[in-house]
N, C-alpha and C. Protein backbone atom coordinates (compact mmCIF):
# COMPACT_ATOMS: atom_id res chain seq x y z
N UNK A 1 -3.20 17.52 -4.93
CA UNK A 1 -3.88 16.26 -4.74
C UNK A 1 -4.69 15.92 -5.97
N UNK A 2 -4.77 14.60 -6.20
CA UNK A 2 -5.61 14.17 -7.31
C UNK A 2 -6.21 12.82 -6.97
N UNK A 3 -7.32 12.52 -7.53
CA UNK A 3 -7.95 11.22 -7.36
C UNK A 3 -8.44 10.76 -8.72
N UNK A 4 -8.29 9.47 -8.99
CA UNK A 4 -8.74 8.89 -10.25
C UNK A 4 -9.53 7.64 -9.90
N UNK A 5 -10.71 7.50 -10.51
CA UNK A 5 -11.56 6.36 -10.20
C UNK A 5 -11.98 5.70 -11.51
N UNK A 6 -11.92 4.36 -11.56
CA UNK A 6 -12.53 3.59 -12.64
C UNK A 6 -13.05 2.31 -12.01
N UNK A 7 -13.76 1.48 -12.74
CA UNK A 7 -14.39 0.31 -12.12
C UNK A 7 -13.41 -0.68 -11.50
N UNK A 8 -12.14 -0.65 -11.87
CA UNK A 8 -11.20 -1.64 -11.37
C UNK A 8 -10.08 -1.06 -10.51
N UNK A 9 -10.01 0.24 -10.36
CA UNK A 9 -8.92 0.83 -9.58
C UNK A 9 -9.32 2.19 -9.03
N UNK A 10 -8.70 2.50 -7.89
CA UNK A 10 -8.84 3.81 -7.28
C UNK A 10 -7.43 4.25 -6.93
N UNK A 11 -7.11 5.50 -7.23
CA UNK A 11 -5.77 6.02 -6.99
C UNK A 11 -5.86 7.40 -6.37
N UNK A 12 -4.96 7.68 -5.43
CA UNK A 12 -4.93 9.00 -4.81
C UNK A 12 -3.48 9.40 -4.60
N UNK A 13 -3.16 10.65 -4.90
CA UNK A 13 -1.80 11.16 -4.73
C UNK A 13 -1.81 12.44 -3.92
N UNK A 14 -0.74 12.64 -3.15
CA UNK A 14 -0.52 13.88 -2.42
C UNK A 14 0.93 14.30 -2.63
N UNK A 15 1.19 15.58 -2.43
CA UNK A 15 2.56 16.12 -2.47
C UNK A 15 2.93 16.51 -1.06
N UNK A 16 4.13 16.12 -0.65
CA UNK A 16 4.61 16.52 0.66
C UNK A 16 6.05 16.98 0.56
N UNK A 17 6.46 17.86 1.46
CA UNK A 17 7.83 18.36 1.49
C UNK A 17 8.65 17.44 2.38
N UNK A 18 9.03 16.32 1.81
CA UNK A 18 9.72 15.28 2.57
C UNK A 18 10.46 14.39 1.58
N UNK A 19 11.67 13.95 1.91
CA UNK A 19 12.37 13.04 0.99
C UNK A 19 11.70 11.66 0.94
N UNK A 20 11.76 10.99 -0.20
CA UNK A 20 11.16 9.66 -0.32
C UNK A 20 11.68 8.66 0.72
N UNK A 21 12.91 8.79 1.13
CA UNK A 21 13.48 7.85 2.11
C UNK A 21 12.71 7.87 3.43
N UNK A 22 12.23 9.04 3.83
CA UNK A 22 11.49 9.15 5.08
C UNK A 22 10.13 8.47 4.95
N UNK A 23 9.45 8.70 3.82
CA UNK A 23 8.15 8.07 3.60
C UNK A 23 8.32 6.55 3.52
N UNK A 24 9.34 6.10 2.78
CA UNK A 24 9.53 4.66 2.64
C UNK A 24 9.82 4.00 3.98
N UNK A 25 10.55 4.68 4.86
CA UNK A 25 10.81 4.14 6.20
C UNK A 25 9.51 3.94 6.96
N UNK A 26 8.53 4.85 6.77
CA UNK A 26 7.22 4.68 7.40
C UNK A 26 6.49 3.48 6.81
N UNK A 27 6.58 3.33 5.50
CA UNK A 27 5.94 2.19 4.85
C UNK A 27 6.53 0.88 5.34
N UNK A 28 7.83 0.83 5.55
CA UNK A 28 8.51 -0.40 5.95
C UNK A 28 8.16 -0.82 7.38
N UNK A 29 7.60 0.09 8.18
CA UNK A 29 7.19 -0.23 9.55
C UNK A 29 5.73 -0.66 9.52
N UNK A 30 5.50 -1.89 9.09
CA UNK A 30 4.16 -2.40 8.81
C UNK A 30 3.23 -2.31 10.01
N UNK A 31 3.74 -2.53 11.21
CA UNK A 31 2.89 -2.48 12.41
C UNK A 31 2.26 -1.11 12.63
N UNK A 32 2.81 -0.07 11.99
CA UNK A 32 2.27 1.28 12.16
C UNK A 32 1.46 1.76 10.96
N UNK A 33 1.12 0.88 10.02
CA UNK A 33 0.33 1.29 8.85
C UNK A 33 -0.97 1.96 9.25
N UNK A 34 -1.57 1.52 10.36
CA UNK A 34 -2.85 2.10 10.79
C UNK A 34 -2.72 3.60 11.11
N UNK A 35 -1.50 4.09 11.33
CA UNK A 35 -1.31 5.51 11.64
C UNK A 35 -1.42 6.41 10.40
N UNK A 36 -1.15 5.88 9.21
CA UNK A 36 -1.23 6.71 8.00
C UNK A 36 -2.28 6.22 7.01
N UNK A 37 -2.81 5.00 7.21
CA UNK A 37 -3.84 4.48 6.31
C UNK A 37 -5.14 4.33 7.09
N UNK A 38 -6.10 5.23 6.88
CA UNK A 38 -7.34 5.19 7.66
C UNK A 38 -8.19 3.94 7.43
N UNK A 39 -7.94 3.18 6.36
CA UNK A 39 -8.68 1.95 6.11
C UNK A 39 -8.05 0.73 6.75
N UNK A 40 -6.90 0.89 7.38
CA UNK A 40 -6.21 -0.22 8.03
C UNK A 40 -6.29 -0.06 9.54
N UNK A 41 -6.76 -1.12 10.23
CA UNK A 41 -6.79 -1.07 11.69
C UNK A 41 -5.63 -1.85 12.29
N UNK A 42 -5.12 -2.85 11.57
CA UNK A 42 -3.97 -3.63 12.01
C UNK A 42 -3.22 -4.17 10.80
N UNK A 43 -1.92 -4.30 10.95
CA UNK A 43 -1.11 -4.95 9.92
C UNK A 43 0.12 -5.54 10.59
N UNK A 44 0.56 -6.67 10.07
CA UNK A 44 1.77 -7.31 10.59
C UNK A 44 2.46 -8.05 9.46
N UNK A 45 3.73 -8.30 9.65
CA UNK A 45 4.51 -9.00 8.64
C UNK A 45 5.48 -9.93 9.34
N UNK A 46 5.72 -11.07 8.73
CA UNK A 46 6.65 -12.05 9.29
C UNK A 46 8.05 -11.71 8.80
N UNK A 47 8.90 -11.21 9.69
CA UNK A 47 10.26 -10.86 9.29
C UNK A 47 10.35 -9.47 8.73
N UNK A 48 11.43 -9.21 7.98
CA UNK A 48 11.64 -7.86 7.43
C UNK A 48 10.73 -7.55 6.25
N UNK A 49 10.62 -6.27 5.95
CA UNK A 49 9.82 -5.76 4.84
C UNK A 49 10.64 -5.93 3.56
N UNK A 50 10.48 -7.09 2.93
CA UNK A 50 11.24 -7.43 1.72
C UNK A 50 10.29 -8.07 0.70
N UNK A 51 10.75 -8.14 -0.54
CA UNK A 51 9.98 -8.80 -1.60
C UNK A 51 9.66 -10.23 -1.18
N UNK A 52 8.39 -10.61 -1.29
CA UNK A 52 7.96 -11.96 -0.94
C UNK A 52 7.50 -12.11 0.49
N UNK A 53 7.72 -11.12 1.33
CA UNK A 53 7.30 -11.20 2.73
C UNK A 53 5.79 -11.39 2.82
N UNK A 54 5.35 -12.11 3.84
CA UNK A 54 3.93 -12.35 4.05
C UNK A 54 3.52 -11.83 5.42
N UNK A 55 2.24 -11.52 5.53
CA UNK A 55 1.72 -11.02 6.79
C UNK A 55 0.21 -10.99 6.74
N UNK A 56 -0.37 -10.16 7.60
CA UNK A 56 -1.83 -10.02 7.67
C UNK A 56 -2.18 -8.55 7.73
N UNK A 57 -3.34 -8.24 7.19
CA UNK A 57 -3.85 -6.87 7.24
C UNK A 57 -5.34 -6.93 7.57
N UNK A 58 -5.77 -5.98 8.37
CA UNK A 58 -7.18 -5.93 8.77
C UNK A 58 -7.71 -4.52 8.53
N UNK A 59 -8.86 -4.46 7.87
CA UNK A 59 -9.52 -3.17 7.68
C UNK A 59 -10.59 -3.02 8.76
N UNK A 60 -11.08 -1.82 8.91
CA UNK A 60 -12.15 -1.58 9.86
C UNK A 60 -13.45 -2.24 9.46
N UNK A 61 -13.52 -2.70 8.21
CA UNK A 61 -14.75 -3.30 7.69
C UNK A 61 -14.72 -4.82 7.66
N UNK A 62 -13.62 -5.44 8.10
CA UNK A 62 -13.57 -6.89 7.96
C UNK A 62 -12.58 -7.55 8.89
N UNK A 63 -12.33 -8.81 8.57
CA UNK A 63 -11.41 -9.59 9.37
C UNK A 63 -10.00 -9.50 8.78
N UNK A 64 -9.03 -9.97 9.54
CA UNK A 64 -7.65 -9.98 9.06
C UNK A 64 -7.53 -10.98 7.91
N UNK A 65 -6.82 -10.57 6.86
CA UNK A 65 -6.59 -11.45 5.71
C UNK A 65 -5.09 -11.48 5.42
N UNK A 66 -4.67 -12.56 4.77
CA UNK A 66 -3.25 -12.72 4.42
C UNK A 66 -2.88 -11.74 3.32
N UNK A 67 -1.65 -11.24 3.39
CA UNK A 67 -1.13 -10.36 2.34
C UNK A 67 0.29 -10.79 2.02
N UNK A 68 0.75 -10.41 0.82
CA UNK A 68 2.12 -10.69 0.41
C UNK A 68 2.69 -9.48 -0.33
N UNK A 69 3.96 -9.17 -0.05
CA UNK A 69 4.65 -8.10 -0.76
C UNK A 69 5.08 -8.68 -2.11
N UNK A 70 4.50 -8.17 -3.19
CA UNK A 70 4.76 -8.72 -4.53
C UNK A 70 5.67 -7.84 -5.37
N UNK A 71 5.92 -6.63 -4.92
CA UNK A 71 6.85 -5.72 -5.61
C UNK A 71 7.43 -4.82 -4.54
N UNK A 72 8.74 -4.58 -4.62
CA UNK A 72 9.37 -3.69 -3.67
C UNK A 72 10.64 -3.11 -4.28
N UNK A 73 10.69 -1.80 -4.38
CA UNK A 73 11.88 -1.07 -4.82
C UNK A 73 12.17 -0.05 -3.73
N UNK A 74 13.19 -0.30 -2.89
CA UNK A 74 13.45 0.59 -1.76
C UNK A 74 13.49 2.06 -2.16
N UNK A 75 12.88 2.87 -1.34
CA UNK A 75 12.71 4.32 -1.46
C UNK A 75 11.87 4.75 -2.66
N UNK A 76 11.26 3.81 -3.39
CA UNK A 76 10.47 4.18 -4.57
C UNK A 76 9.06 3.59 -4.59
N UNK A 77 8.91 2.29 -4.26
CA UNK A 77 7.58 1.69 -4.38
C UNK A 77 7.49 0.35 -3.67
N UNK A 78 6.25 -0.06 -3.42
CA UNK A 78 5.96 -1.42 -2.98
C UNK A 78 4.51 -1.73 -3.31
N UNK A 79 4.21 -3.01 -3.43
CA UNK A 79 2.84 -3.47 -3.66
C UNK A 79 2.59 -4.67 -2.76
N UNK A 80 1.43 -4.68 -2.12
CA UNK A 80 0.97 -5.87 -1.41
C UNK A 80 -0.28 -6.37 -2.10
N UNK A 81 -0.47 -7.69 -2.06
CA UNK A 81 -1.63 -8.32 -2.68
C UNK A 81 -2.37 -9.12 -1.62
N UNK A 82 -3.70 -9.02 -1.66
CA UNK A 82 -4.60 -9.75 -0.78
C UNK A 82 -5.52 -10.55 -1.68
N UNK A 83 -5.70 -11.84 -1.35
CA UNK A 83 -6.61 -12.68 -2.11
C UNK A 83 -7.83 -12.97 -1.26
N UNK A 84 -9.03 -12.79 -1.85
CA UNK A 84 -10.26 -13.15 -1.16
C UNK A 84 -11.38 -13.46 -2.14
N UNK A 85 -12.14 -14.46 -1.78
CA UNK A 85 -13.32 -14.86 -2.56
C UNK A 85 -13.03 -15.05 -4.04
N UNK A 86 -11.92 -15.69 -4.38
CA UNK A 86 -11.57 -15.92 -5.77
C UNK A 86 -11.12 -14.68 -6.51
N UNK A 87 -10.92 -13.60 -5.79
CA UNK A 87 -10.48 -12.34 -6.38
C UNK A 87 -9.16 -11.92 -5.75
N UNK A 88 -8.61 -10.84 -6.28
CA UNK A 88 -7.34 -10.33 -5.79
C UNK A 88 -7.41 -8.81 -5.73
N UNK A 89 -6.91 -8.27 -4.63
CA UNK A 89 -6.78 -6.82 -4.51
C UNK A 89 -5.30 -6.51 -4.39
N UNK A 90 -4.82 -5.60 -5.22
CA UNK A 90 -3.43 -5.18 -5.17
C UNK A 90 -3.40 -3.74 -4.67
N UNK A 91 -2.40 -3.44 -3.84
CA UNK A 91 -2.25 -2.11 -3.25
C UNK A 91 -0.87 -1.56 -3.59
N UNK A 92 -0.69 -1.00 -4.81
CA UNK A 92 0.59 -0.39 -5.17
C UNK A 92 0.75 0.97 -4.48
N UNK A 93 1.96 1.25 -4.03
CA UNK A 93 2.33 2.52 -3.42
C UNK A 93 3.56 3.02 -4.16
N UNK A 94 3.62 4.30 -4.48
CA UNK A 94 4.76 4.83 -5.25
C UNK A 94 5.18 6.20 -4.72
N UNK A 95 6.48 6.47 -4.86
CA UNK A 95 7.06 7.75 -4.48
C UNK A 95 7.82 8.31 -5.66
N UNK A 96 7.59 9.59 -5.97
CA UNK A 96 8.32 10.26 -7.05
C UNK A 96 8.80 11.60 -6.51
N UNK A 97 10.11 11.80 -6.56
CA UNK A 97 10.69 13.08 -6.13
C UNK A 97 10.52 14.11 -7.24
N UNK A 98 9.95 15.27 -6.90
CA UNK A 98 9.79 16.38 -7.84
C UNK A 98 10.28 17.63 -7.14
N UNK A 99 11.55 18.00 -7.40
CA UNK A 99 12.15 19.14 -6.71
C UNK A 99 12.26 18.85 -5.23
N UNK A 100 11.76 19.75 -4.39
CA UNK A 100 11.80 19.52 -2.94
C UNK A 100 10.53 18.84 -2.44
N UNK A 101 9.69 18.40 -3.36
CA UNK A 101 8.44 17.72 -3.02
C UNK A 101 8.52 16.23 -3.36
N UNK A 102 7.74 15.45 -2.66
CA UNK A 102 7.62 14.02 -2.94
C UNK A 102 6.14 13.76 -3.27
N UNK A 103 5.89 13.16 -4.42
CA UNK A 103 4.53 12.78 -4.79
C UNK A 103 4.32 11.35 -4.29
N UNK A 104 3.36 11.19 -3.40
CA UNK A 104 3.06 9.90 -2.78
C UNK A 104 1.74 9.42 -3.37
N UNK A 105 1.75 8.24 -3.99
CA UNK A 105 0.54 7.69 -4.61
C UNK A 105 0.21 6.34 -4.00
N UNK A 106 -1.05 6.17 -3.64
CA UNK A 106 -1.58 4.91 -3.10
C UNK A 106 -2.71 4.50 -4.04
N UNK A 107 -2.64 3.27 -4.53
CA UNK A 107 -3.60 2.78 -5.51
C UNK A 107 -4.20 1.48 -4.99
N UNK A 108 -5.44 1.22 -5.32
CA UNK A 108 -6.10 -0.04 -5.03
C UNK A 108 -6.61 -0.58 -6.36
N UNK A 109 -6.23 -1.80 -6.70
CA UNK A 109 -6.66 -2.44 -7.94
C UNK A 109 -7.44 -3.70 -7.63
N UNK A 110 -8.56 -3.88 -8.30
CA UNK A 110 -9.44 -5.02 -8.10
C UNK A 110 -9.34 -5.94 -9.30
N UNK A 111 -9.09 -7.22 -9.05
CA UNK A 111 -8.97 -8.21 -10.11
C UNK A 111 -9.88 -9.40 -9.80
N UNK A 112 -10.49 -9.96 -10.81
CA UNK A 112 -11.35 -11.13 -10.61
C UNK A 112 -12.80 -10.74 -10.37
N UNK A 113 -13.53 -11.59 -9.69
CA UNK A 113 -14.96 -11.41 -9.49
C UNK A 113 -15.36 -10.14 -8.78
N UNK A 114 -14.50 -9.62 -7.88
CA UNK A 114 -14.84 -8.39 -7.16
C UNK A 114 -14.63 -7.12 -7.99
N UNK A 115 -13.96 -7.27 -9.14
CA UNK A 115 -13.68 -6.09 -9.95
C UNK A 115 -14.98 -5.49 -10.45
């Protein structure tokens, strides 16, 4: 495990003994994000989990806000972006296969006034 912090981004990675396809399948089931992301209480998406898809996400600290999938590479990565108060938060997720392990990275990037 590793964590990296700077004023505009926070990143955390773990290694698990699981193929990237299994992790990505969990990511694609947006309604269940609250089961693996402790900062998410609800999430939904209109239609399939594809590039450009829109939905809503709610944290335990706030109200539901609109999100959009802005990057998606099946079995490798995805990013959702949330806009609020003239700022933008991006949530990149990445998978890297290393032998029989999968490195799973979740990053939060702050852009604009909230950075």
